[in-house]
Amino acid sequence: MSRSLRFASFALVSSVLSLLACGSDEAERDAAAESAFFDAYARAVCDDAAPCCAQVGAAHDVAACRALVGAALREALGPKKGTFVPEAGERLVSAIRQEVAACAEAPFNSAAAADQGVNFAGLYEPNGTRPPGAACDEPNDCAPAAGARVVCMMESALPSGAGEPVVSGKCLVLRPPAEDMSCDDSMDADVGDCDFDSSAAFYCDASDKRCHARRALGERCGGSDECVRGARCTDGTCASPSALDEPCGSDFDCAEGLYCDHTSKGCATLKRGGEACSSPDECLSTRCDDGSCRVLSYLTADTCGGR
């Protein structure tokens, strides 16, 4: 082999090794960021949960709680599917801390969490190869798309004569919406995601399957999903929800965190665990057991003690 050929071969091998080393470094950083998220999530759930645990009469064992919650999250998410997104993990941990501070009934069951676009599905970006519309079993089967969210949309159908439903998936690209953009994911595999970001400036109109700008206060509407975030469609018009002690006809008329007291006919603050109730609608937990609202905590006695 000539000197030049040997040099070329050496250069090629060196380049391949460099790429492999680079890929290995990225994989290690990805794994480290994911592991740090699991730990941060467990700390967010457990570290300041003593008041919540007290509501269920449970001892608060921080270390045991962390170990249990971290392991449960790892098991729930299963093996890594796609590329971990640290920013999404940070948003999720921040939301969890807010929920624990309020001893909320369940993580993300609040308007604040919804406004932040917090969810477990956003923790990973797919890095598969299948194009939009292709069959998939999980999101990571699908190819990523710049500036868009990619999901594996599962559909269930019951063919004639079949004893059980047939479940199938297809790769779906959800793009930032624009006025009159299609949102019919049953027909298209590349559609507008009308709730793409926390502004929720658009909604998907069920009649024409198109994205349309949400209607401002005072404008006509056919449903509250057509109105700007936080507004209600009342008597065909987008209106602000009733505040504390303002008149109401139903819970739907009241602002977040309030219910319609049918005795006073005014909006009242949702009740926390242990407060007297006559209906689940009065309780923040939506549970009224034996005349009292259920304790507000997604931390159980077992979780608090790490059992």
C-alpha atoms as a PDB file:
ATOM      1  CA  MET A   1       0.000   0.000   0.000  1.00  0.00           C
ATOM      2  CA  SER A   2       1.359   3.404  -0.954  1.00  0.00           C
ATOM      3  CA  ARG A   3       2.154   6.025   1.647  1.00  0.00           C
ATOM      4  CA  SER A   4      -0.614   8.300   0.358  1.00  0.00           C
ATOM      5  CA  LEU A   5      -3.167   5.469   0.437  1.00  0.00           C
ATOM      6  CA  ARG A   6      -2.133   4.486   3.968  1.00  0.00           C
ATOM      7  CA  PHE A   7      -2.504   8.135   5.016  1.00  0.00           C
ATOM      8  CA  ALA A   8      -5.958   8.366   3.398  1.00  0.00           C
ATOM      9  CA  SER A   9      -7.057   5.189   5.178  1.00  0.00           C
ATOM     10  CA  PHE A  10      -5.748   6.493   8.485  1.00  0.00           C
ATOM     11  CA  ALA A  11      -7.547   9.810   7.962  1.00  0.00           C
ATOM     12  CA  LEU A  12     -10.819   8.021   7.167  1.00  0.00           C
ATOM     13  CA  VAL A  13     -10.595   5.787  10.222  1.00  0.00           C
ATOM     14  CA  SER A  14      -9.732   8.800  12.394  1.00  0.00           C
ATOM     15  CA  SER A  15     -12.759  10.684  11.069  1.00  0.00           C
ATOM     16  CA  VAL A  16     -15.083   7.752  11.776  1.00  0.00           C
ATOM     17  CA  LEU A  17     -13.684   7.352  15.282  1.00  0.00           C
ATOM     18  CA  SER A  18     -14.145  11.088  15.889  1.00  0.00           C
ATOM     19  CA  LEU A  19     -17.779  10.898  14.789  1.00  0.00           C
ATOM     20  CA  LEU A  20     -18.394   7.877  17.010  1.00  0.00           C
ATOM     21  CA  ALA A  21     -16.755   9.634  19.937  1.00  0.00           C
ATOM     22  CA  CYS A  22     -18.862  12.733  19.289  1.00  0.00           C
ATOM     23  CA  GLY A  23     -22.028  10.628  19.136  1.00  0.00           C
ATOM     24  CA  SER A  24     -21.004   8.870  22.315  1.00  0.00           C
ATOM     25  CA  ASP A  25     -20.440  12.183  24.085  1.00  0.00           C
ATOM     26  CA  GLU A  26     -23.863  13.433  22.994  1.00  0.00           C
ATOM     27  CA  ALA A  27     -25.509  10.198  24.170  1.00  0.00           C
ATOM     28  CA  GLU A  28     -23.776  10.516  27.537  1.00  0.00           C
ATOM     29  CA  ARG A  29     -24.874  14.141  27.899  1.00  0.00           C
ATOM     30  CA  ASP A  30     -28.410  13.161  26.948  1.00  0.00           C
ATOM     31  CA  ALA A  31     -28.443  10.349  29.511  1.00  0.00           C
ATOM     32  CA  ALA A  32     -26.964  12.629  32.186  1.00  0.00           C
ATOM     33  CA  ALA A  33     -29.588  15.332  31.532  1.00  0.00           C
ATOM     34  CA  GLU A  34     -32.378  12.752  31.671  1.00  0.00           C
ATOM     35  CA  SER A  35     -31.052  11.281  34.935  1.00  0.00           C
ATOM     36  CA  ALA A  36     -30.772  14.792  36.435  1.00  0.00           C
ATOM     37  CA  PHE A  37     -34.410  15.421  35.464  1.00  0.00           C
ATOM     38  CA  PHE A  38     -35.596  12.255  37.231  1.00  0.00           C
ATOM     39  CA  ASP A  39     -33.767  13.358  40.378  1.00  0.00           C
ATOM     40  CA  ALA A  40     -35.072  16.935  40.145  1.00  0.00           C
ATOM     41  CA  TYR A  41     -38.621  15.666  39.630  1.00  0.00           C
ATOM     42  CA  ALA A  42     -38.397  13.457  42.720  1.00  0.00           C
ATOM     43  CA  ARG A  43     -37.041  16.377  44.777  1.00  0.00           C
ATOM     44  CA  ALA A  44     -39.811  18.673  43.512  1.00  0.00           C
ATOM     45  CA  VAL A  45     -42.462  16.159  44.556  1.00  0.00           C
ATOM     46  CA  CYS A  46     -40.990  15.196  47.913  1.00  0.00           C
ATOM     47  CA  ASP A  47     -38.812  17.891  49.463  1.00  0.00           C
ATOM     48  CA  ASP A  48     -41.528  20.376  50.443  1.00  0.00           C
ATOM     49  CA  ALA A  49     -44.400  17.930  50.757  1.00  0.00           C
ATOM     50  CA  ALA A  50     -44.594  17.789  54.561  1.00  0.00           C
ATOM     51  CA  PRO A  51     -47.782  19.966  54.720  1.00  0.00           C
ATOM     52  CA  CYS A  52     -49.445  17.815  52.043  1.00  0.00           C
ATOM     53  CA  CYS A  53     -48.480  14.612  53.852  1.00  0.00           C
ATOM     54  CA  ALA A  54     -49.856  16.074  57.076  1.00  0.00           C
ATOM     55  CA  GLN A  55     -53.227  16.425  55.337  1.00  0.00           C
ATOM     56  CA  VAL A  56     -53.357  12.660  54.902  1.00  0.00           C
ATOM     57  CA  GLY A  57     -51.952  12.031  58.386  1.00  0.00           C
ATOM     58  CA  ALA A  58     -48.767  10.526  56.991  1.00  0.00           C
ATOM     59  CA  ALA A  59     -45.176  10.683  58.143  1.00  0.00           C
ATOM     60  CA  HIS A  60     -42.918  12.531  55.720  1.00  0.00           C
ATOM     61  CA  ASP A  61     -39.766  10.574  54.814  1.00  0.00           C
ATOM     62  CA  VAL A  62     -38.009  12.720  52.208  1.00  0.00           C
ATOM     63  CA  ALA A  63     -35.320  10.215  51.193  1.00  0.00           C
ATOM     64  CA  ALA A  64     -37.739   7.306  50.903  1.00  0.00           C
ATOM     65  CA  CYS A  65     -40.229   9.443  48.997  1.00  0.00           C
ATOM     66  CA  ARG A  66     -37.535  10.559  46.534  1.00  0.00           C
ATOM     67  CA  ALA A  67     -36.450   6.977  45.888  1.00  0.00           C
ATOM     68  CA  LEU A  68     -40.008   5.795  45.329  1.00  0.00           C
ATOM     69  CA  VAL A  69     -41.097   8.693  43.102  1.00  0.00           C
ATOM     70  CA  GLY A  70     -37.913   8.608  41.003  1.00  0.00           C
ATOM     71  CA  ALA A  71     -38.195   4.872  40.416  1.00  0.00           C
ATOM     72  CA  ALA A  72     -41.890   5.133  39.582  1.00  0.00           C
ATOM     73  CA  LEU A  73     -41.246   7.873  37.013  1.00  0.00           C
ATOM     74  CA  ARG A  74     -38.470   5.893  35.362  1.00  0.00           C
ATOM     75  CA  GLU A  75     -40.745   2.867  35.138  1.00  0.00           C
ATOM     76  CA  ALA A  76     -43.696   4.900  33.847  1.00  0.00           C
ATOM     77  CA  LEU A  77     -41.698   6.502  31.050  1.00  0.00           C
ATOM     78  CA  GLY A  78     -39.980   3.234  30.238  1.00  0.00           C
ATOM     79  CA  PRO A  79     -36.846   3.085  28.112  1.00  0.00           C
ATOM     80  CA  LYS A  80     -35.851   6.354  26.506  1.00  0.00           C
ATOM     81  CA  LYS A  81     -37.856   7.017  23.362  1.00  0.00           C
ATOM     82  CA  GLY A  82     -36.220   9.769  21.367  1.00  0.00           C
ATOM     83  CA  THR A  83     -33.991  12.644  22.387  1.00  0.00           C
ATOM     84  CA  PHE A  84     -34.503  14.063  25.858  1.00  0.00           C
ATOM     85  CA  VAL A  85     -35.437  17.791  25.947  1.00  0.00           C
ATOM     86  CA  PRO A  86     -33.946  19.415  29.087  1.00  0.00           C
ATOM     87  CA  GLU A  87     -36.036  22.589  28.717  1.00  0.00           C
ATOM     88  CA  ALA A  88     -39.241  20.555  28.829  1.00  0.00           C
ATOM     89  CA  GLY A  89     -37.984  18.809  31.946  1.00  0.00           C
ATOM     90  CA  GLU A  90     -37.276  22.152  33.625  1.00  0.00           C
ATOM     91  CA  ARG A  91     -40.793  23.414  32.876  1.00  0.00           C
ATOM     92  CA  LEU A  92     -42.269  20.215  34.237  1.00  0.00           C
ATOM     93  CA  VAL A  93     -40.270  20.380  37.474  1.00  0.00           C
ATOM     94  CA  SER A  94     -41.230  24.041  37.942  1.00  0.00           C
ATOM     95  CA  ALA A  95     -44.919  23.198  37.536  1.00  0.00           C
ATOM     96  CA  ILE A  96     -44.641  20.300  39.962  1.00  0.00           C
ATOM     97  CA  ARG A  97     -43.150  22.583  42.627  1.00  0.00           C
ATOM     98  CA  GLN A  98     -46.116  24.942  42.249  1.00  0.00           C
ATOM     99  CA  GLU A  99     -48.566  22.061  42.517  1.00  0.00           C
ATOM    100  CA  VAL A 100     -46.902  20.661  45.639  1.00  0.00           C
ATOM    101  CA  ALA A 101     -46.847  24.112  47.243  1.00  0.00           C
ATOM    102  CA  ALA A 102     -50.635  24.155  46.855  1.00  0.00           C
ATOM    103  CA  CYS A 103     -51.050  20.473  47.813  1.00  0.00           C
ATOM    104  CA  ALA A 104     -52.905  20.110  44.530  1.00  0.00           C
ATOM    105  CA  GLU A 105     -55.001  17.056  43.852  1.00  0.00           C
ATOM    106  CA  ALA A 106     -53.042  16.070  40.751  1.00  0.00           C
ATOM    107  CA  PRO A 107     -50.038  17.480  38.889  1.00  0.00           C
ATOM    108  CA  PHE A 108     -50.879  19.766  35.966  1.00  0.00           C
ATOM    109  CA  ASN A 109     -54.562  19.880  36.867  1.00  0.00           C
ATOM    110  CA  SER A 110     -54.517  23.660  36.771  1.00  0.00           C
ATOM    111  CA  ALA A 111     -54.788  26.500  34.306  1.00  0.00           C
ATOM    112  CA  ALA A 112     -51.278  27.667  35.212  1.00  0.00           C
ATOM    113  CA  ALA A 113     -49.804  24.323  34.254  1.00  0.00           C
ATOM    114  CA  ALA A 114     -51.816  24.225  31.033  1.00  0.00           C
ATOM    115  CA  ASP A 115     -50.627  27.729  30.135  1.00  0.00           C
ATOM    116  CA  GLN A 116     -47.032  26.552  30.400  1.00  0.00           C
ATOM    117  CA  GLY A 117     -47.678  23.693  27.985  1.00  0.00           C
ATOM    118  CA  VAL A 118     -46.425  21.237  30.597  1.00  0.00           C
ATOM    119  CA  ASN A 119     -46.724  17.543  29.845  1.00  0.00           C
ATOM    120  CA  PHE A 120     -44.748  14.331  29.918  1.00  0.00           C
ATOM    121  CA  ALA A 121     -45.136  13.790  26.175  1.00  0.00           C
ATOM    122  CA  GLY A 122     -42.956  16.821  25.483  1.00  0.00           C
ATOM    123  CA  LEU A 123     -39.982  15.387  27.356  1.00  0.00           C
ATOM    124  CA  TYR A 124     -38.686  13.590  24.277  1.00  0.00           C
ATOM    125  CA  GLU A 125     -38.304  14.562  20.652  1.00  0.00           C
ATOM    126  CA  PRO A 126     -38.636  11.710  18.167  1.00  0.00           C
ATOM    127  CA  ASN A 127     -35.548  10.737  16.207  1.00  0.00           C
ATOM    128  CA  GLY A 128     -36.960   7.995  14.001  1.00  0.00           C
ATOM    129  CA  THR A 129     -37.098   7.833  10.212  1.00  0.00           C
ATOM    130  CA  ARG A 130     -40.744   7.342   9.236  1.00  0.00           C
ATOM    131  CA  PRO A 131     -42.325  10.230   7.275  1.00  0.00           C
ATOM    132  CA  PRO A 132     -45.664  11.951   8.016  1.00  0.00           C
ATOM    133  CA  GLY A 133     -48.560   9.565   7.444  1.00  0.00           C
ATOM    134  CA  ALA A 134     -46.453   6.423   7.888  1.00  0.00           C
ATOM    135  CA  ALA A 135     -47.536   3.727  10.318  1.00  0.00           C
ATOM    136  CA  CYS A 136     -46.053   3.927  13.816  1.00  0.00           C
ATOM    137  CA  ASP A 137     -46.269   2.216  17.181  1.00  0.00           C
ATOM    138  CA  GLU A 138     -44.701   5.012  19.244  1.00  0.00           C
ATOM    139  CA  PRO A 139     -43.541   8.616  18.677  1.00  0.00           C
ATOM    140  CA  ASN A 140     -39.899   7.645  18.262  1.00  0.00           C
ATOM    141  CA  ASP A 141     -40.767   5.707  15.110  1.00  0.00           C
ATOM    142  CA  CYS A 142     -41.376   9.047  13.393  1.00  0.00           C
ATOM    143  CA  ALA A 143     -38.859  11.420  11.850  1.00  0.00           C
ATOM    144  CA  PRO A 144     -38.407  14.826  13.547  1.00  0.00           C
ATOM    145  CA  ALA A 145     -39.676  17.979  11.833  1.00  0.00           C
ATOM    146  CA  ALA A 146     -38.059  21.382  12.283  1.00  0.00           C
ATOM    147  CA  GLY A 147     -40.233  23.877  14.156  1.00  0.00           C
ATOM    148  CA  ALA A 148     -43.034  21.374  14.749  1.00  0.00           C
ATOM    149  CA  ARG A 149     -44.195  18.748  17.200  1.00  0.00           C
ATOM    150  CA  VAL A 150     -44.300  15.148  15.979  1.00  0.00           C
ATOM    151  CA  VAL A 151     -46.592  12.538  17.507  1.00  0.00           C
ATOM    152  CA  CYS A 152     -47.708   9.011  16.794  1.00  0.00           C
ATOM    153  CA  MET A 153     -51.478   9.436  16.652  1.00  0.00           C
ATOM    154  CA  MET A 154     -53.278   6.263  17.671  1.00  0.00           C
ATOM    155  CA  GLU A 155     -56.673   5.450  16.190  1.00  0.00           C
ATOM    156  CA  SER A 156     -59.105   2.683  17.088  1.00  0.00           C
ATOM    157  CA  ALA A 157     -61.526   1.119  14.618  1.00  0.00           C
ATOM    158  CA  LEU A 158     -63.925  -1.787  14.797  1.00  0.00           C
ATOM    159  CA  PRO A 159     -64.060  -3.450  11.355  1.00  0.00           C
ATOM    160  CA  SER A 160     -67.241  -5.272  10.408  1.00  0.00           C
ATOM    161  CA  GLY A 161     -67.241  -8.722  11.931  1.00  0.00           C
ATOM    162  CA  ALA A 162     -64.258  -8.047  14.175  1.00  0.00           C
ATOM    163  CA  GLY A 163     -64.539  -9.057  17.801  1.00  0.00           C
ATOM    164  CA  GLU A 164     -62.121  -6.435  19.098  1.00  0.00           C
ATOM    165  CA  PRO A 165     -61.091  -2.954  17.960  1.00  0.00           C
ATOM    166  CA  VAL A 166     -58.033  -2.621  15.750  1.00  0.00           C
ATOM    167  CA  VAL A 167     -55.583  -0.002  17.000  1.00  0.00           C
ATOM    168  CA  SER A 168     -53.175   1.622  14.572  1.00  0.00           C
ATOM    169  CA  GLY A 169     -50.927   4.671  14.597  1.00  0.00           C
ATOM    170  CA  LYS A 170     -49.648   7.169  12.072  1.00  0.00           C
ATOM    171  CA  CYS A 171     -46.913   9.788  12.236  1.00  0.00           C
ATOM    172  CA  LEU A 172     -48.481  13.209  12.585  1.00  0.00           C
ATOM    173  CA  VAL A 173     -46.694  16.557  12.277  1.00  0.00           C
ATOM    174  CA  LEU A 174     -48.258  19.372  14.315  1.00  0.00           C
ATOM    175  CA  ARG A 175     -47.148  22.772  13.027  1.00  0.00           C
ATOM    176  CA  PRO A 176     -47.604  26.261  14.510  1.00  0.00           C
ATOM    177  CA  PRO A 177     -51.088  27.334  13.410  1.00  0.00           C
ATOM    178  CA  ALA A 178     -52.187  30.085  11.096  1.00  0.00           C
ATOM    179  CA  GLU A 179     -55.631  31.359  10.154  1.00  0.00           C
ATOM    180  CA  ASP A 180     -57.568  28.878   7.979  1.00  0.00           C
ATOM    181  CA  MET A 181     -54.859  26.197   8.305  1.00  0.00           C
ATOM    182  CA  SER A 182     -56.180  22.625   8.262  1.00  0.00           C
ATOM    183  CA  CYS A 183     -56.438  20.886  11.622  1.00  0.00           C
ATOM    184  CA  ASP A 184     -58.104  17.739  10.286  1.00  0.00           C
ATOM    185  CA  ASP A 185     -55.687  15.077  11.513  1.00  0.00           C
ATOM    186  CA  SER A 186     -58.013  12.317  10.325  1.00  0.00           C
ATOM    187  CA  MET A 187     -57.240  13.293   6.726  1.00  0.00           C
ATOM    188  CA  ASP A 188     -53.861  15.031   6.786  1.00  0.00           C
ATOM    189  CA  ALA A 189     -50.585  13.992   8.386  1.00  0.00           C
ATOM    190  CA  ASP A 190     -49.216  17.549   8.466  1.00  0.00           C
ATOM    191  CA  VAL A 191     -51.649  19.902  10.201  1.00  0.00           C
ATOM    192  CA  GLY A 192     -51.917  23.044  12.285  1.00  0.00           C
ATOM    193  CA  ASP A 193     -51.643  22.518  16.025  1.00  0.00           C
ATOM    194  CA  CYS A 194     -54.176  25.053  17.244  1.00  0.00           C
ATOM    195  CA  ASP A 195     -52.882  24.850  20.821  1.00  0.00           C
ATOM    196  CA  PHE A 196     -49.224  24.902  19.767  1.00  0.00           C
ATOM    197  CA  ASP A 197     -48.090  27.275  22.506  1.00  0.00           C
ATOM    198  CA  SER A 198     -49.253  28.792  25.756  1.00  0.00           C
ATOM    199  CA  SER A 199     -50.894  31.755  24.012  1.00  0.00           C
ATOM    200  CA  ALA A 200     -53.543  29.453  22.506  1.00  0.00           C
ATOM    201  CA  ALA A 201     -54.341  32.168  19.979  1.00  0.00           C
ATOM    202  CA  PHE A 202     -56.235  29.731  17.732  1.00  0.00           C
ATOM    203  CA  TYR A 203     -58.855  27.020  18.065  1.00  0.00           C
ATOM    204  CA  CYS A 204     -59.797  24.135  15.767  1.00  0.00           C
ATOM    205  CA  ASP A 205     -63.290  24.728  14.405  1.00  0.00           C
ATOM    206  CA  ALA A 206     -65.193  21.434  14.444  1.00  0.00           C
ATOM    207  CA  SER A 207     -67.399  22.506  11.526  1.00  0.00           C
ATOM    208  CA  ASP A 208     -64.708  23.146   8.919  1.00  0.00           C
ATOM    209  CA  LYS A 209     -61.635  21.560  10.586  1.00  0.00           C
ATOM    210  CA  ARG A 210     -59.661  24.776  10.204  1.00  0.00           C
ATOM    211  CA  CYS A 211     -57.672  26.866  12.668  1.00  0.00           C
ATOM    212  CA  HIS A 212     -59.306  30.202  13.485  1.00  0.00           C
ATOM    213  CA  ALA A 213     -58.244  33.026  15.781  1.00  0.00           C
ATOM    214  CA  ARG A 214     -59.954  32.952  19.165  1.00  0.00           C
ATOM    215  CA  ARG A 215     -62.670  35.560  19.618  1.00  0.00           C
ATOM    216  CA  ALA A 216     -62.207  38.571  21.878  1.00  0.00           C
ATOM    217  CA  LEU A 217     -64.496  39.565  24.737  1.00  0.00           C
ATOM    218  CA  GLY A 218     -67.803  40.841  23.390  1.00  0.00           C
ATOM    219  CA  GLU A 219     -67.599  38.897  20.117  1.00  0.00           C
ATOM    220  CA  ARG A 220     -70.105  36.241  19.107  1.00  0.00           C
ATOM    221  CA  CYS A 221     -69.267  32.600  19.831  1.00  0.00           C
ATOM    222  CA  GLY A 222     -70.662  29.116  19.545  1.00  0.00           C
ATOM    223  CA  GLY A 223     -68.676  27.670  22.451  1.00  0.00           C
ATOM    224  CA  SER A 224     -66.091  28.654  25.040  1.00  0.00           C
ATOM    225  CA  ASP A 225     -63.285  27.001  23.095  1.00  0.00           C
ATOM    226  CA  GLU A 226     -63.746  29.785  20.514  1.00  0.00           C
ATOM    227  CA  CYS A 227     -63.065  32.531  23.062  1.00  0.00           C
ATOM    228  CA  VAL A 228     -59.730  33.903  24.247  1.00  0.00           C
ATOM    229  CA  ARG A 229     -58.140  31.981  27.110  1.00  0.00           C
ATOM    230  CA  GLY A 230     -60.010  32.449  30.373  1.00  0.00           C
ATOM    231  CA  ALA A 231     -63.223  33.751  28.792  1.00  0.00           C
ATOM    232  CA  ARG A 232     -66.578  31.975  28.640  1.00  0.00           C
ATOM    233  CA  CYS A 233     -69.170  31.809  25.871  1.00  0.00           C
ATOM    234  CA  THR A 234     -72.266  33.111  27.655  1.00  0.00           C
ATOM    235  CA  ASP A 235     -75.516  33.600  25.736  1.00  0.00           C
ATOM    236  CA  GLY A 236     -73.570  33.433  22.484  1.00  0.00           C
ATOM    237  CA  THR A 237     -71.007  36.079  23.458  1.00  0.00           C
ATOM    238  CA  CYS A 238     -67.449  35.771  24.779  1.00  0.00           C
ATOM    239  CA  ALA A 239     -67.454  37.189  28.312  1.00  0.00           C
ATOM    240  CA  SER A 240     -65.248  37.272  31.368  1.00  0.00           C
ATOM    241  CA  PRO A 241     -66.163  34.611  33.940  1.00  0.00           C
ATOM    242  CA  SER A 242     -67.785  35.694  37.177  1.00  0.00           C
ATOM    243  CA  ALA A 243     -65.404  36.572  40.023  1.00  0.00           C
ATOM    244  CA  LEU A 244     -65.751  35.737  43.713  1.00  0.00           C
ATOM    245  CA  ASP A 245     -69.250  36.575  45.059  1.00  0.00           C
ATOM    246  CA  GLU A 246     -70.510  37.637  41.625  1.00  0.00           C
ATOM    247  CA  PRO A 247     -73.786  36.103  40.357  1.00  0.00           C
ATOM    248  CA  CYS A 248     -73.732  32.743  38.571  1.00  0.00           C
ATOM    249  CA  GLY A 249     -76.092  30.137  37.216  1.00  0.00           C
ATOM    250  CA  SER A 250     -73.660  27.234  37.065  1.00  0.00           C
ATOM    251  CA  ASP A 251     -70.063  26.326  37.881  1.00  0.00           C
ATOM    252  CA  PHE A 252     -69.260  27.027  34.262  1.00  0.00           C
ATOM    253  CA  ASP A 253     -69.957  30.737  34.829  1.00  0.00           C
ATOM    254  CA  CYS A 254     -67.269  31.080  37.508  1.00  0.00           C
ATOM    255  CA  ALA A 255     -63.562  31.803  37.155  1.00  0.00           C
ATOM    256  CA  GLU A 256     -60.815  29.272  37.784  1.00  0.00           C
ATOM    257  CA  GLY A 257     -60.750  28.115  41.407  1.00  0.00           C
ATOM    258  CA  LEU A 258     -64.406  28.999  42.046  1.00  0.00           C
ATOM    259  CA  TYR A 259     -67.722  27.152  41.977  1.00  0.00           C
ATOM    260  CA  CYS A 260     -71.325  28.358  41.838  1.00  0.00           C
ATOM    261  CA  ASP A 261     -72.897  28.227  45.300  1.00  0.00           C
ATOM    262  CA  HIS A 262     -76.502  27.275  44.575  1.00  0.00           C
ATOM    263  CA  THR A 263     -77.678  28.731  47.892  1.00  0.00           C
ATOM    264  CA  SER A 264     -76.245  32.215  47.452  1.00  0.00           C
ATOM    265  CA  LYS A 265     -76.280  32.044  43.628  1.00  0.00           C
ATOM    266  CA  GLY A 266     -72.796  33.522  43.682  1.00  0.00           C
ATOM    267  CA  CYS A 267     -69.305  32.249  42.904  1.00  0.00           C
ATOM    268  CA  ALA A 268     -67.453  30.864  45.923  1.00  0.00           C
ATOM    269  CA  THR A 269     -63.933  29.555  46.494  1.00  0.00           C
ATOM    270  CA  LEU A 270     -63.508  25.839  45.916  1.00  0.00           C
ATOM    271  CA  LYS A 271     -63.085  23.999  49.211  1.00  0.00           C
ATOM    272  CA  ARG A 272     -59.942  22.203  50.312  1.00  0.00           C
ATOM    273  CA  GLY A 273     -59.561  18.886  52.071  1.00  0.00           C
ATOM    274  CA  GLY A 274     -61.557  18.503  55.288  1.00  0.00           C
ATOM    275  CA  GLU A 275     -64.012  21.321  54.619  1.00  0.00           C
ATOM    276  CA  ALA A 276     -67.724  20.522  54.731  1.00  0.00           C
ATOM    277  CA  CYS A 277     -69.443  19.870  51.404  1.00  0.00           C
ATOM    278  CA  SER A 278     -72.705  18.636  49.968  1.00  0.00           C
ATOM    279  CA  SER A 279     -71.539  18.130  46.379  1.00  0.00           C
ATOM    280  CA  PRO A 280     -68.288  17.162  44.599  1.00  0.00           C
ATOM    281  CA  ASP A 281     -68.590  20.412  42.608  1.00  0.00           C
ATOM    282  CA  GLU A 282     -67.753  22.354  45.765  1.00  0.00           C
ATOM    283  CA  CYS A 283     -64.382  20.607  46.218  1.00  0.00           C
ATOM    284  CA  LEU A 284     -61.071  21.376  44.575  1.00  0.00           C
ATOM    285  CA  SER A 285     -60.430  17.646  44.564  1.00  0.00           C
ATOM    286  CA  THR A 286     -63.868  17.006  42.965  1.00  0.00           C
ATOM    287  CA  ARG A 287     -64.454  14.461  45.746  1.00  0.00           C
ATOM    288  CA  CYS A 288     -67.001  14.924  48.535  1.00  0.00           C
ATOM    289  CA  ASP A 289     -66.874  11.912  50.871  1.00  0.00           C
ATOM    290  CA  ASP A 290     -69.182  11.658  53.912  1.00  0.00           C
ATOM    291  CA  GLY A 291     -69.856  15.386  53.919  1.00  0.00           C
ATOM    292  CA  SER A 292     -66.207  16.487  53.651  1.00  0.00           C
ATOM    293  CA  CYS A 293     -64.001  17.359  50.718  1.00  0.00           C
ATOM    294  CA  ARG A 294     -61.329  14.789  50.096  1.00  0.00           C
ATOM    295  CA  VAL A 295     -57.839  15.753  51.206  1.00  0.00           C
ATOM    296  CA  LEU A 296     -55.982  17.722  48.555  1.00  0.00           C
ATOM    297  CA  SER A 297     -52.855  15.751  47.787  1.00  0.00           C
ATOM    298  CA  TYR A 298     -51.675  13.472  45.026  1.00  0.00           C
ATOM    299  CA  LEU A 299     -49.152  12.250  47.597  1.00  0.00           C
ATOM    300  CA  THR A 300     -50.633   9.225  49.320  1.00  0.00           C
ATOM    301  CA  ALA A 301     -49.686   8.011  52.786  1.00  0.00           C
ATOM    302  CA  ASP A 302     -47.579   5.343  51.103  1.00  0.00           C
ATOM    303  CA  THR A 303     -45.791   7.824  48.860  1.00  0.00           C
ATOM    304  CA  CYS A 304     -45.072  10.190  51.751  1.00  0.00           C
ATOM    305  CA  GLY A 305     -43.398   7.379  53.615  1.00  0.00           C
ATOM    306  CA  GLY A 306     -41.735   5.882  50.551  1.00  0.00           C
ATOM    307  CA  ARG A 307     -43.613   2.605  50.743  1.00  0.00           C
END
